[in-house]
PDB file of N, CA and C in Angstrom:
ATOM      1  N   UNK A   1       1.415  15.398 -34.184  1.00  0.00           N
ATOM      2  CA  UNK A   1       2.203  15.444 -32.965  1.00  0.00           C
ATOM      3  C   UNK A   1       1.269  15.162 -31.780  1.00  0.00           C
ATOM      4  N   UNK A   2       1.720  14.318 -30.897  1.00  0.00           N
ATOM      5  CA  UNK A   2       0.945  14.003 -29.695  1.00  0.00           C
ATOM      6  C   UNK A   2       0.846  15.246 -28.800  1.00  0.00           C
ATOM      7  N   UNK A   3      -0.251  15.342 -28.074  1.00  0.00           N
ATOM      8  CA  UNK A   3      -0.492  16.519 -27.228  1.00  0.00           C
ATOM      9  C   UNK A   3       0.625  16.732 -26.204  1.00  0.00           C
ATOM     10  N   UNK A   4       1.124  15.651 -25.611  1.00  0.00           N
ATOM     11  CA  UNK A   4       2.187  15.794 -24.608  1.00  0.00           C
ATOM     12  C   UNK A   4       3.460  16.353 -25.243  1.00  0.00           C
ATOM     13  N   UNK A   5       3.822  15.851 -26.423  1.00  0.00           N
ATOM     14  CA  UNK A   5       4.997  16.364 -27.132  1.00  0.00           C
ATOM     15  C   UNK A   5       4.801  17.835 -27.502  1.00  0.00           C
ATOM     16  N   UNK A   6       3.584  18.166 -27.912  1.00  0.00           N
ATOM     17  CA  UNK A   6       3.259  19.546 -28.259  1.00  0.00           C
ATOM     18  C   UNK A   6       3.410  20.457 -27.034  1.00  0.00           C
ATOM     19  N   UNK A   7       2.951  19.993 -25.883  1.00  0.00           N
ATOM     20  CA  UNK A   7       3.088  20.766 -24.644  1.00  0.00           C
ATOM     21  C   UNK A   7       4.564  21.029 -24.339  1.00  0.00           C
ATOM     22  N   UNK A   8       5.403  20.012 -24.499  1.00  0.00           N
ATOM     23  CA  UNK A   8       6.836  20.200 -24.250  1.00  0.00           C
ATOM     24  C   UNK A   8       7.465  21.144 -25.269  1.00  0.00           C
ATOM     25  N   UNK A   9       6.995  21.100 -26.503  1.00  0.00           N
ATOM     26  CA  UNK A   9       7.487  22.023 -27.530  1.00  0.00           C
ATOM     27  C   UNK A   9       7.190  23.467 -27.104  1.00  0.00           C
ATOM     28  N   UNK A  10       6.001  23.686 -26.567  1.00  0.00           N
ATOM     29  CA  UNK A  10       5.621  25.019 -26.098  1.00  0.00           C
ATOM     30  C   UNK A  10       6.525  25.467 -24.952  1.00  0.00           C
ATOM     31  N   UNK A  11       6.904  24.550 -24.070  1.00  0.00           N
ATOM     32  CA  UNK A  11       7.786  24.941 -22.959  1.00  0.00           C
ATOM     33  C   UNK A  11       9.132  25.453 -23.477  1.00  0.00           C
ATOM     34  N   UNK A  12       9.633  24.863 -24.553  1.00  0.00           N
ATOM     35  CA  UNK A  12      10.887  25.357 -25.136  1.00  0.00           C
ATOM     36  C   UNK A  12      10.736  26.806 -25.593  1.00  0.00           C
ATOM     37  N   UNK A  13       9.593  27.124 -26.194  1.00  0.00           N
ATOM     38  CA  UNK A  13       9.345  28.493 -26.656  1.00  0.00           C
ATOM     39  C   UNK A  13       9.233  29.453 -25.474  1.00  0.00           C
ATOM     40  N   UNK A  14       8.654  28.989 -24.386  1.00  0.00           N
ATOM     41  CA  UNK A  14       8.560  29.811 -23.168  1.00  0.00           C
ATOM     42  C   UNK A  14       9.957  30.138 -22.646  1.00  0.00           C
ATOM     43  N   UNK A  15      10.815  29.128 -22.589  1.00  0.00           N
ATOM     44  CA  UNK A  15      12.178  29.353 -22.094  1.00  0.00           C
ATOM     45  C   UNK A  15      12.964  30.286 -23.012  1.00  0.00           C
ATOM     46  N   UNK A  16      12.637  30.298 -24.319  1.00  0.00           N
ATOM     47  CA  UNK A  16      13.299  31.224 -25.246  1.00  0.00           C
ATOM     48  C   UNK A  16      13.133  32.671 -24.803  1.00  0.00           C
ATOM     49  N   UNK A  17      12.030  32.967 -24.133  1.00  0.00           N
ATOM     50  CA  UNK A  17      11.750  34.332 -23.681  1.00  0.00           C
ATOM     51  C   UNK A  17      11.854  34.466 -22.161  1.00  0.00           C
ATOM     52  N   UNK A  18      12.596  33.550 -21.561  1.00  0.00           N
ATOM     53  CA  UNK A  18      12.926  33.611 -20.129  1.00  0.00           C
ATOM     54  C   UNK A  18      11.720  33.465 -19.203  1.00  0.00           C
ATOM     55  N   UNK A  19      10.680  32.770 -19.668  1.00  0.00           N
ATOM     56  CA  UNK A  19       9.595  32.406 -18.770  1.00  0.00           C
ATOM     57  C   UNK A  19      10.141  31.428 -17.736  1.00  0.00           C
ATOM     58  N   UNK A  20       9.497  31.339 -16.585  1.00  0.00           N
ATOM     59  CA  UNK A  20      10.016  30.468 -15.524  1.00  0.00           C
ATOM     60  C   UNK A  20       8.872  29.814 -14.764  1.00  0.00           C
ATOM     61  N   UNK A  21       9.249  28.932 -13.832  1.00  0.00           N
ATOM     62  CA  UNK A  21       8.282  28.172 -13.040  1.00  0.00           C
ATOM     63  C   UNK A  21       7.268  27.510 -13.973  1.00  0.00           C
ATOM     64  N   UNK A  22       7.800  26.831 -14.967  1.00  0.00           N
ATOM     65  CA  UNK A  22       6.979  26.227 -16.023  1.00  0.00           C
ATOM     66  C   UNK A  22       6.510  24.850 -15.570  1.00  0.00           C
ATOM     67  N   UNK A  23       5.210  24.646 -15.712  1.00  0.00           N
ATOM     68  CA  UNK A  23       4.622  23.354 -15.350  1.00  0.00           C
ATOM     69  C   UNK A  23       3.663  22.905 -16.434  1.00  0.00           C
ATOM     70  N   UNK A  24       3.561  21.603 -16.569  1.00  0.00           N
ATOM     71  CA  UNK A  24       2.548  20.994 -17.428  1.00  0.00           C
ATOM     72  C   UNK A  24       1.604  20.234 -16.511  1.00  0.00           C
ATOM     73  N   UNK A  25       0.304  20.538 -16.608  1.00  0.00           N
ATOM     74  CA  UNK A  25      -0.706  19.794 -15.861  1.00  0.00           C
ATOM     75  C   UNK A  25      -1.377  18.809 -16.809  1.00  0.00           C
ATOM     76  N   UNK A  26      -1.442  17.564 -16.404  1.00  0.00           N
ATOM     77  CA  UNK A  26      -2.064  16.506 -17.198  1.00  0.00           C
ATOM     78  C   UNK A  26      -3.537  16.408 -16.805  1.00  0.00           C
ATOM     79  N   UNK A  27      -4.408  16.871 -17.695  1.00  0.00           N
ATOM     80  CA  UNK A  27      -5.847  16.917 -17.417  1.00  0.00           C
ATOM     81  C   UNK A  27      -6.624  15.782 -18.080  1.00  0.00           C
ATOM     82  N   UNK A  28      -5.930  14.866 -18.724  1.00  0.00           N
ATOM     83  CA  UNK A  28      -6.618  13.858 -19.543  1.00  0.00           C
ATOM     84  C   UNK A  28      -7.675  13.074 -18.783  1.00  0.00           C
ATOM     85  N   UNK A  29      -7.448  12.770 -17.531  1.00  0.00           N
ATOM     86  CA  UNK A  29      -8.422  11.991 -16.764  1.00  0.00           C
ATOM     87  C   UNK A  29      -9.373  12.857 -15.943  1.00  0.00           C
ATOM     88  N   UNK A  30      -9.267  14.180 -16.097  1.00  0.00           N
ATOM     89  CA  UNK A  30     -10.059  15.084 -15.260  1.00  0.00           C
ATOM     90  C   UNK A  30     -11.027  15.975 -16.019  1.00  0.00           C
ATOM     91  N   UNK A  31     -10.745  16.255 -17.274  1.00  0.00           N
ATOM     92  CA  UNK A  31     -11.532  17.251 -17.989  1.00  0.00           C
ATOM     93  C   UNK A  31     -11.534  16.983 -19.485  1.00  0.00           C
ATOM     94  N   UNK A  32     -12.578  17.467 -20.128  1.00  0.00           N
ATOM     95  CA  UNK A  32     -12.638  17.357 -21.584  1.00  0.00           C
ATOM     96  C   UNK A  32     -12.230  18.667 -22.261  1.00  0.00           C
ATOM     97  N   UNK A  33     -11.894  19.702 -21.487  1.00  0.00           N
ATOM     98  CA  UNK A  33     -11.556  20.982 -22.107  1.00  0.00           C
ATOM     99  C   UNK A  33     -10.191  20.966 -22.791  1.00  0.00           C
ATOM    100  N   UNK A  34      -9.283  20.156 -22.284  1.00  0.00           N
ATOM    101  CA  UNK A  34      -7.947  20.043 -22.875  1.00  0.00           C
ATOM    102  C   UNK A  34      -7.263  18.828 -22.266  1.00  0.00           C
ATOM    103  N   UNK A  35      -6.239  18.349 -22.950  1.00  0.00           N
ATOM    104  CA  UNK A  35      -5.437  17.259 -22.394  1.00  0.00           C
ATOM    105  C   UNK A  35      -4.392  17.792 -21.416  1.00  0.00           C
ATOM    106  N   UNK A  36      -3.842  18.966 -21.740  1.00  0.00           N
ATOM    107  CA  UNK A  36      -2.771  19.533 -20.919  1.00  0.00           C
ATOM    108  C   UNK A  36      -2.939  21.040 -20.788  1.00  0.00           C
ATOM    109  N   UNK A  37      -2.559  21.566 -19.640  1.00  0.00           N
ATOM    110  CA  UNK A  37      -2.314  22.989 -19.442  1.00  0.00           C
ATOM    111  C   UNK A  37      -0.802  23.153 -19.372  1.00  0.00           C
ATOM    112  N   UNK A  38      -0.299  24.190 -20.015  1.00  0.00           N
ATOM    113  CA  UNK A  38       1.082  24.622 -19.817  1.00  0.00           C
ATOM    114  C   UNK A  38       0.981  25.965 -19.102  1.00  0.00           C
ATOM    115  N   UNK A  39       1.624  26.066 -17.947  1.00  0.00           N
ATOM    116  CA  UNK A  39       1.532  27.264 -17.114  1.00  0.00           C
ATOM    117  C   UNK A  39       2.940  27.805 -16.880  1.00  0.00           C
ATOM    118  N   UNK A  40       3.085  29.127 -17.015  1.00  0.00           N
ATOM    119  CA  UNK A  40       4.393  29.729 -16.733  1.00  0.00           C
ATOM    120  C   UNK A  40       4.209  31.105 -16.130  1.00  0.00           C
ATOM    121  N   UNK A  41       5.289  31.616 -15.585  1.00  0.00           N
ATOM    122  CA  UNK A  41       5.313  32.943 -14.972  1.00  0.00           C
ATOM    123  C   UNK A  41       6.252  33.864 -15.728  1.00  0.00           C
ATOM    124  N   UNK A  42       5.939  35.162 -15.612  1.00  0.00           N
ATOM    125  CA  UNK A  42       6.776  36.216 -16.176  1.00  0.00           C
ATOM    126  C   UNK A  42       6.780  37.371 -15.177  1.00  0.00           C
ATOM    127  N   UNK A  43       7.788  38.220 -15.268  1.00  0.00           N
ATOM    128  CA  UNK A  43       7.944  39.301 -14.295  1.00  0.00           C
ATOM    129  C   UNK A  43       7.279  40.616 -14.677  1.00  0.00           C
ATOM    130  N   UNK A  44       6.930  40.787 -15.957  1.00  0.00           N
ATOM    131  CA  UNK A  44       6.412  42.082 -16.399  1.00  0.00           C
ATOM    132  C   UNK A  44       5.401  41.900 -17.528  1.00  0.00           C
ATOM    133  N   UNK A  45       4.655  42.971 -17.801  1.00  0.00           N
ATOM    134  CA  UNK A  45       3.716  42.957 -18.925  1.00  0.00           C
ATOM    135  C   UNK A  45       4.442  42.640 -20.230  1.00  0.00           C
ATOM    136  N   UNK A  46       5.584  43.293 -20.420  1.00  0.00           N
ATOM    137  CA  UNK A  46       6.312  43.096 -21.678  1.00  0.00           C
ATOM    138  C   UNK A  46       6.811  41.663 -21.819  1.00  0.00           C
ATOM    139  N   UNK A  47       7.183  41.028 -20.719  1.00  0.00           N
ATOM    140  CA  UNK A  47       7.627  39.636 -20.797  1.00  0.00           C
ATOM    141  C   UNK A  47       6.446  38.705 -21.066  1.00  0.00           C
ATOM    142  N   UNK A  48       5.293  38.966 -20.452  1.00  0.00           N
ATOM    143  CA  UNK A  48       4.091  38.172 -20.739  1.00  0.00           C
ATOM    144  C   UNK A  48       3.792  38.244 -22.233  1.00  0.00           C
ATOM    145  N   UNK A  49       3.813  39.457 -22.785  1.00  0.00           N
ATOM    146  CA  UNK A  49       3.535  39.640 -24.210  1.00  0.00           C
ATOM    147  C   UNK A  49       4.582  38.951 -25.071  1.00  0.00           C
ATOM    148  N   UNK A  50       5.845  39.076 -24.705  1.00  0.00           N
ATOM    149  CA  UNK A  50       6.921  38.456 -25.487  1.00  0.00           C
ATOM    150  C   UNK A  50       6.772  36.935 -25.526  1.00  0.00           C
ATOM    151  N   UNK A  51       6.418  36.330 -24.409  1.00  0.00           N
ATOM    152  CA  UNK A  51       6.235  34.872 -24.359  1.00  0.00           C
ATOM    153  C   UNK A  51       5.054  34.465 -25.227  1.00  0.00           C
ATOM    154  N   UNK A  52       3.922  35.151 -25.061  1.00  0.00           N
ATOM    155  CA  UNK A  52       2.732  34.820 -25.852  1.00  0.00           C
ATOM    156  C   UNK A  52       3.001  35.011 -27.341  1.00  0.00           C
ATOM    157  N   UNK A  53       3.673  36.100 -27.702  1.00  0.00           N
ATOM    158  CA  UNK A  53       3.992  36.362 -29.110  1.00  0.00           C
ATOM    159  C   UNK A  53       4.935  35.309 -29.678  1.00  0.00           C
ATOM    160  N   UNK A  54       5.919  34.892 -28.895  1.00  0.00           N
ATOM    161  CA  UNK A  54       6.874  33.866 -29.341  1.00  0.00           C
ATOM    162  C   UNK A  54       6.155  32.555 -29.641  1.00  0.00           C
ATOM    163  N   UNK A  55       5.282  32.153 -28.752  1.00  0.00           N
ATOM    164  CA  UNK A  55       4.531  30.906 -28.952  1.00  0.00           C
ATOM    165  C   UNK A  55       3.682  31.017 -30.209  1.00  0.00           C
ATOM    166  N   UNK A  56       2.914  32.094 -30.312  1.00  0.00           N
ATOM    167  CA  UNK A  56       2.016  32.278 -31.456  1.00  0.00           C
ATOM    168  C   UNK A  56       2.789  32.343 -32.769  1.00  0.00           C
ATOM    169  N   UNK A  57       3.863  33.121 -32.791  1.00  0.00           N
ATOM    170  CA  UNK A  57       4.648  33.306 -34.016  1.00  0.00           C
ATOM    171  C   UNK A  57       5.306  32.005 -34.469  1.00  0.00           C
ATOM    172  N   UNK A  58       5.978  31.332 -33.561  1.00  0.00           N
ATOM    173  CA  UNK A  58       6.715  30.127 -33.941  1.00  0.00           C
ATOM    174  C   UNK A  58       5.783  28.978 -34.341  1.00  0.00           C
ATOM    175  N   UNK A  59       4.661  28.843 -33.650  1.00  0.00           N
ATOM    176  CA  UNK A  59       3.724  27.781 -34.019  1.00  0.00           C
ATOM    177  C   UNK A  59       3.007  28.112 -35.321  1.00  0.00           C
ATOM    178  N   UNK A  60       2.719  29.391 -35.557  1.00  0.00           N
ATOM    179  CA  UNK A  60       2.102  29.802 -36.822  1.00  0.00           C
ATOM    180  C   UNK A  60       3.006  29.476 -38.005  1.00  0.00           C
ATOM    181  N   UNK A  61       4.318  29.645 -37.820  1.00  0.00           N
ATOM    182  CA  UNK A  61       5.277  29.304 -38.882  1.00  0.00           C
ATOM    183  C   UNK A  61       5.177  27.834 -39.277  1.00  0.00           C
ATOM    184  N   UNK A  62       4.748  27.004 -38.324  1.00  0.00           N
ATOM    185  CA  UNK A  62       4.621  25.565 -38.576  1.00  0.00           C
ATOM    186  C   UNK A  62       3.193  25.182 -38.972  1.00  0.00           C
ATOM    187  N   UNK A  63       2.373  26.194 -39.241  1.00  0.00           N
ATOM    188  CA  UNK A  63       1.003  25.947 -39.664  1.00  0.00           C
ATOM    189  C   UNK A  63       0.052  25.606 -38.528  1.00  0.00           C
ATOM    190  N   UNK A  64       0.463  25.867 -37.293  1.00  0.00           N
ATOM    191  CA  UNK A  64      -0.377  25.573 -36.128  1.00  0.00           C
ATOM    192  C   UNK A  64      -0.984  26.892 -35.654  1.00  0.00           C
ATOM    193  N   UNK A  65      -2.287  26.997 -35.809  1.00  0.00           N
ATOM    194  CA  UNK A  65      -2.986  28.232 -35.461  1.00  0.00           C
ATOM    195  C   UNK A  65      -3.599  28.148 -34.072  1.00  0.00           C
ATOM    196  N   UNK A  66      -3.548  29.242 -33.372  1.00  0.00           N
ATOM    197  CA  UNK A  66      -4.185  29.356 -32.062  1.00  0.00           C
ATOM    198  C   UNK A  66      -5.690  29.508 -32.279  1.00  0.00           C
ATOM    199  N   UNK A  67      -6.481  28.686 -31.588  1.00  0.00           N
ATOM    200  CA  UNK A  67      -7.932  28.725 -31.745  1.00  0.00           C
ATOM    201  C   UNK A  67      -8.559  29.915 -31.029  1.00  0.00           C
ATOM    202  N   UNK A  68      -7.965  30.319 -29.927  1.00  0.00           N
ATOM    203  CA  UNK A  68      -8.526  31.418 -29.142  1.00  0.00           C
ATOM    204  C   UNK A  68      -7.423  32.055 -28.295  1.00  0.00           C
ATOM    205  N   UNK A  69      -7.485  33.377 -28.192  1.00  0.00           N
ATOM    206  CA  UNK A  69      -6.529  34.124 -27.363  1.00  0.00           C
ATOM    207  C   UNK A  69      -7.306  35.047 -26.439  1.00  0.00           C
ATOM    208  N   UNK A  70      -6.842  35.153 -25.204  1.00  0.00           N
ATOM    209  CA  UNK A  70      -7.441  36.082 -24.241  1.00  0.00           C
ATOM    210  C   UNK A  70      -6.339  36.752 -23.431  1.00  0.00           C
ATOM    211  N   UNK A  71      -6.620  37.963 -22.982  1.00  0.00           N
ATOM    212  CA  UNK A  71      -5.737  38.639 -22.042  1.00  0.00           C
ATOM    213  C   UNK A  71      -4.638  39.472 -22.656  1.00  0.00           C
ATOM    214  N   UNK A  72      -4.657  39.651 -23.971  1.00  0.00           N
ATOM    215  CA  UNK A  72      -3.570  40.384 -24.617  1.00  0.00           C
ATOM    216  C   UNK A  72      -3.650  41.894 -24.395  1.00  0.00           C
ATOM    217  N   UNK A  73      -4.735  42.361 -23.799  1.00  0.00           N
ATOM    218  CA  UNK A  73      -4.847  43.785 -23.488  1.00  0.00           C
ATOM    219  C   UNK A  73      -4.285  44.088 -22.105  1.00  0.00           C
ATOM    220  N   UNK A  74      -4.747  43.350 -21.105  1.00  0.00           N
ATOM    221  CA  UNK A  74      -4.308  43.602 -19.723  1.00  0.00           C
ATOM    222  C   UNK A  74      -2.932  43.018 -19.426  1.00  0.00           C
ATOM    223  N   UNK A  75      -2.606  41.887 -20.032  1.00  0.00           N
ATOM    224  CA  UNK A  75      -1.304  41.224 -19.899  1.00  0.00           C
ATOM    225  C   UNK A  75      -0.980  40.747 -18.485  1.00  0.00           C
ATOM    226  N   UNK A  76      -1.998  40.474 -17.689  1.00  0.00           N
ATOM    227  CA  UNK A  76      -1.774  39.834 -16.394  1.00  0.00           C
ATOM    228  C   UNK A  76      -1.823  38.320 -16.525  1.00  0.00           C
ATOM    229  N   UNK A  77      -2.664  37.862 -17.450  1.00  0.00           N
ATOM    230  CA  UNK A  77      -2.868  36.428 -17.684  1.00  0.00           C
ATOM    231  C   UNK A  77      -3.273  36.279 -19.139  1.00  0.00           C
ATOM    232  N   UNK A  78      -2.400  35.722 -19.940  1.00  0.00           N
ATOM    233  CA  UNK A  78      -2.709  35.472 -21.345  1.00  0.00           C
ATOM    234  C   UNK A  78      -2.985  33.991 -21.517  1.00  0.00           C
ATOM    235  N   UNK A  79      -4.095  33.692 -22.179  1.00  0.00           N
ATOM    236  CA  UNK A  79      -4.487  32.318 -22.466  1.00  0.00           C
ATOM    237  C   UNK A  79      -4.398  32.105 -23.969  1.00  0.00           C
ATOM    238  N   UNK A  80      -3.731  31.028 -24.371  1.00  0.00           N
ATOM    239  CA  UNK A  80      -3.644  30.626 -25.772  1.00  0.00           C
ATOM    240  C   UNK A  80      -4.194  29.210 -25.875  1.00  0.00           C
ATOM    241  N   UNK A  81      -5.248  29.039 -26.671  1.00  0.00           N
ATOM    242  CA  UNK A  81      -5.925  27.748 -26.777  1.00  0.00           C
ATOM    243  C   UNK A  81      -5.512  27.049 -28.067  1.00  0.00           C
ATOM    244  N   UNK A  82      -4.835  25.923 -27.909  1.00  0.00           N
ATOM    245  CA  UNK A  82      -4.439  25.090 -29.038  1.00  0.00           C
ATOM    246  C   UNK A  82      -5.186  23.758 -29.014  1.00  0.00           C
ATOM    247  N   UNK A  83      -6.412  23.759 -28.548  1.00  0.00           N
ATOM    248  CA  UNK A  83      -7.337  22.637 -28.487  1.00  0.00           C
ATOM    249  C   UNK A  83      -6.930  21.608 -27.442  1.00  0.00           C
ATOM    250  N   UNK A  84      -5.959  20.756 -27.729  1.00  0.00           N
ATOM    251  CA  UNK A  84      -5.527  19.749 -26.753  1.00  0.00           C
ATOM    252  C   UNK A  84      -4.624  20.332 -25.672  1.00  0.00           C
ATOM    253  N   UNK A  85      -4.022  21.466 -25.969  1.00  0.00           N
ATOM    254  CA  UNK A  85      -3.107  22.128 -25.030  1.00  0.00           C
ATOM    255  C   UNK A  85      -3.532  23.587 -24.877  1.00  0.00           C
ATOM    256  N   UNK A  86      -3.735  24.007 -23.648  1.00  0.00           N
ATOM    257  CA  UNK A  86      -4.046  25.407 -23.361  1.00  0.00           C
ATOM    258  C   UNK A  86      -2.874  25.989 -22.576  1.00  0.00           C
ATOM    259  N   UNK A  87      -2.383  27.118 -23.062  1.00  0.00           N
ATOM    260  CA  UNK A  87      -1.225  27.775 -22.463  1.00  0.00           C
ATOM    261  C   UNK A  87      -1.702  28.947 -21.607  1.00  0.00           C
ATOM    262  N   UNK A  88      -1.174  29.036 -20.394  1.00  0.00           N
ATOM    263  CA  UNK A  88      -1.467  30.137 -19.479  1.00  0.00           C
ATOM    264  C   UNK A  88      -0.150  30.841 -19.164  1.00  0.00           C
ATOM    265  N   UNK A  89      -0.029  32.077 -19.622  1.00  0.00           N
ATOM    266  CA  UNK A  89       1.156  32.885 -19.336  1.00  0.00           C
ATOM    267  C   UNK A  89       0.729  33.938 -18.312  1.00  0.00           C
ATOM    268  N   UNK A  90       1.260  33.822 -17.111  1.00  0.00           N
ATOM    269  CA  UNK A  90       0.863  34.689 -16.006  1.00  0.00           C
ATOM    270  C   UNK A  90       1.957  35.670 -15.638  1.00  0.00           C
ATOM    271  N   UNK A  91       1.542  36.894 -15.313  1.00  0.00           N
ATOM    272  CA  UNK A  91       2.427  37.757 -14.550  1.00  0.00           C
ATOM    273  C   UNK A  91       2.457  37.139 -13.155  1.00  0.00           C
ATOM    274  N   UNK A  92       3.592  37.173 -12.511  1.00  0.00           N
ATOM    275  CA  UNK A  92       3.817  36.424 -11.273  1.00  0.00           C
ATOM    276  C   UNK A  92       2.718  36.634 -10.224  1.00  0.00           C
ATOM    277  N   UNK A  93       2.312  37.885  -9.993  1.00  0.00           N
ATOM    278  CA  UNK A  93       1.293  38.155  -8.974  1.00  0.00           C
ATOM    279  C   UNK A  93      -0.042  37.505  -9.333  1.00  0.00           C
ATOM    280  N   UNK A  94      -0.390  37.538 -10.606  1.00  0.00           N
ATOM    281  CA  UNK A  94      -1.659  36.948 -11.054  1.00  0.00           C
ATOM    282  C   UNK A  94      -1.635  35.435 -10.918  1.00  0.00           C
ATOM    283  N   UNK A  95      -0.495  34.851 -11.148  1.00  0.00           N
ATOM    284  CA  UNK A  95      -0.405  33.396 -10.992  1.00  0.00           C
ATOM    285  C   UNK A  95      -0.655  32.994  -9.540  1.00  0.00           C
ATOM    286  N   UNK A  96      -0.071  33.732  -8.622  1.00  0.00           N
ATOM    287  CA  UNK A  96      -0.306  33.434  -7.203  1.00  0.00           C
ATOM    288  C   UNK A  96      -1.781  33.628  -6.840  1.00  0.00           C
ATOM    289  N   UNK A  97      -2.391  34.668  -7.382  1.00  0.00           N
ATOM    290  CA  UNK A  97      -3.785  34.972  -7.067  1.00  0.00           C
ATOM    291  C   UNK A  97      -4.737  33.891  -7.598  1.00  0.00           C
ATOM    292  N   UNK A  98      -4.597  33.529  -8.863  1.00  0.00           N
ATOM    293  CA  UNK A  98      -5.527  32.568  -9.477  1.00  0.00           C
ATOM    294  C   UNK A  98      -5.193  31.122  -9.130  1.00  0.00           C
ATOM    295  N   UNK A  99      -3.942  30.832  -8.895  1.00  0.00           N
ATOM    296  CA  UNK A  99      -3.477  29.537  -8.391  1.00  0.00           C
ATOM    297  C   UNK A  99      -4.117  28.333  -9.094  1.00  0.00           C
ATOM    298  N   UNK A 100      -3.924  28.264 -10.407  1.00  0.00           N
ATOM    299  CA  UNK A 100      -4.493  27.152 -11.183  1.00  0.00           C
ATOM    300  C   UNK A 100      -4.000  25.795 -10.707  1.00  0.00           C
ATOM    301  N   UNK A 101      -2.766  25.748 -10.234  1.00  0.00           N
ATOM    302  CA  UNK A 101      -2.245  24.466  -9.752  1.00  0.00           C
ATOM    303  C   UNK A 101      -3.064  23.941  -8.574  1.00  0.00           C
ATOM    304  N   UNK A 102      -3.545  24.839  -7.721  1.00  0.00           N
ATOM    305  CA  UNK A 102      -4.388  24.406  -6.603  1.00  0.00           C
ATOM    306  C   UNK A 102      -5.792  24.058  -7.097  1.00  0.00           C
ATOM    307  N   UNK A 103      -6.330  24.884  -7.983  1.00  0.00           N
ATOM    308  CA  UNK A 103      -7.658  24.639  -8.538  1.00  0.00           C
ATOM    309  C   UNK A 103      -7.724  23.282  -9.233  1.00  0.00           C
ATOM    310  N   UNK A 104      -6.682  22.948  -9.963  1.00  0.00           N
ATOM    311  CA  UNK A 104      -6.581  21.666 -10.661  1.00  0.00           C
ATOM    312  C   UNK A 104      -5.640  20.741  -9.891  1.00  0.00           C
ATOM    313  N   UNK A 105      -5.741  20.742  -8.585  1.00  0.00           N
ATOM    314  CA  UNK A 105      -4.835  20.000  -7.715  1.00  0.00           C
ATOM    315  C   UNK A 105      -4.819  18.501  -7.925  1.00  0.00           C
ATOM    316  N   UNK A 106      -5.876  17.944  -8.509  1.00  0.00           N
ATOM    317  CA  UNK A 106      -5.903  16.503  -8.783  1.00  0.00           C
ATOM    318  C   UNK A 106      -5.113  16.134 -10.032  1.00  0.00           C
ATOM    319  N   UNK A 107      -4.719  17.126 -10.804  1.00  0.00           N
ATOM    320  CA  UNK A 107      -3.981  16.868 -12.047  1.00  0.00           C
ATOM    321  C   UNK A 107      -2.510  16.629 -11.739  1.00  0.00           C
ATOM    322  N   UNK A 108      -1.947  15.556 -12.275  1.00  0.00           N
ATOM    323  CA  UNK A 108      -0.500  15.374 -12.134  1.00  0.00           C
ATOM    324  C   UNK A 108       0.225  16.572 -12.757  1.00  0.00           C
ATOM    325  N   UNK A 109       1.197  17.104 -12.039  1.00  0.00           N
ATOM    326  CA  UNK A 109       1.946  18.274 -12.506  1.00  0.00           C
ATOM    327  C   UNK A 109       3.393  17.891 -12.753  1.00  0.00           C
ATOM    328  N   UNK A 110       3.893  18.329 -13.882  1.00  0.00           N
ATOM    329  CA  UNK A 110       5.285  18.086 -14.237  1.00  0.00           C
ATOM    330  C   UNK A 110       6.019  19.415 -14.238  1.00  0.00           C
ATOM    331  N   UNK A 111       7.040  19.542 -13.409  1.00  0.00           N
ATOM    332  CA  UNK A 111       7.896  20.724 -13.437  1.00  0.00           C
ATOM    333  C   UNK A 111       8.839  20.543 -14.612  1.00  0.00           C
ATOM    334  N   UNK A 112       8.932  21.564 -15.429  1.00  0.00           N
ATOM    335  CA  UNK A 112       9.737  21.468 -16.641  1.00  0.00           C
ATOM    336  C   UNK A 112      10.976  22.331 -16.465  1.00  0.00           C
ATOM    337  N   UNK A 113      12.127  21.765 -16.728  1.00  0.00           N
ATOM    338  CA  UNK A 113      13.397  22.487 -16.587  1.00  0.00           C
ATOM    339  C   UNK A 113      13.865  23.012 -17.936  1.00  0.00           C
ATOM    340  N   UNK A 114      14.498  24.169 -17.915  1.00  0.00           N
ATOM    341  CA  UNK A 114      15.095  24.748 -19.110  1.00  0.00           C
ATOM    342  C   UNK A 114      16.294  23.900 -19.514  1.00  0.00           C
ATOM    343  N   UNK A 115      16.329  23.486 -20.773  1.00  0.00           N
ATOM    344  CA  UNK A 115      17.421  22.629 -21.261  1.00  0.00           C
ATOM    345  C   UNK A 115      18.686  23.418 -21.557  1.00  0.00           C
ATOM    346  N   UNK A 116      18.544  24.741 -21.631  1.00  0.00           N
ATOM    347  CA  UNK A 116      19.709  25.560 -21.997  1.00  0.00           C
ATOM    348  C   UNK A 116      20.704  25.663 -20.872  1.00  0.00           C
TER     349      UNK A 116
END
């Protein structure tokens, strides 16, 4: 599966758990750390955990393993590394504070809408 298609697949899983303000940042011409970031917001610790768990569980069922996970203790910002795609699940306040979209401001950003 192409990295861009994989990123969109992850957005569907985010919407399954009511994540919002979902964006895909295209880093292909800016960085070697990943091709895409998928960034979303959640309102509570439990929602951050539910989104991260949904992504991990559903992708694991398809034989896709997460290479690295961070933030599952504090639940303000959970990072899931799938090599070409890195997922950032933020509690809303943390997203505003860290502002990855501004930090990676040169990256084309795609706002992703819930298909449901």
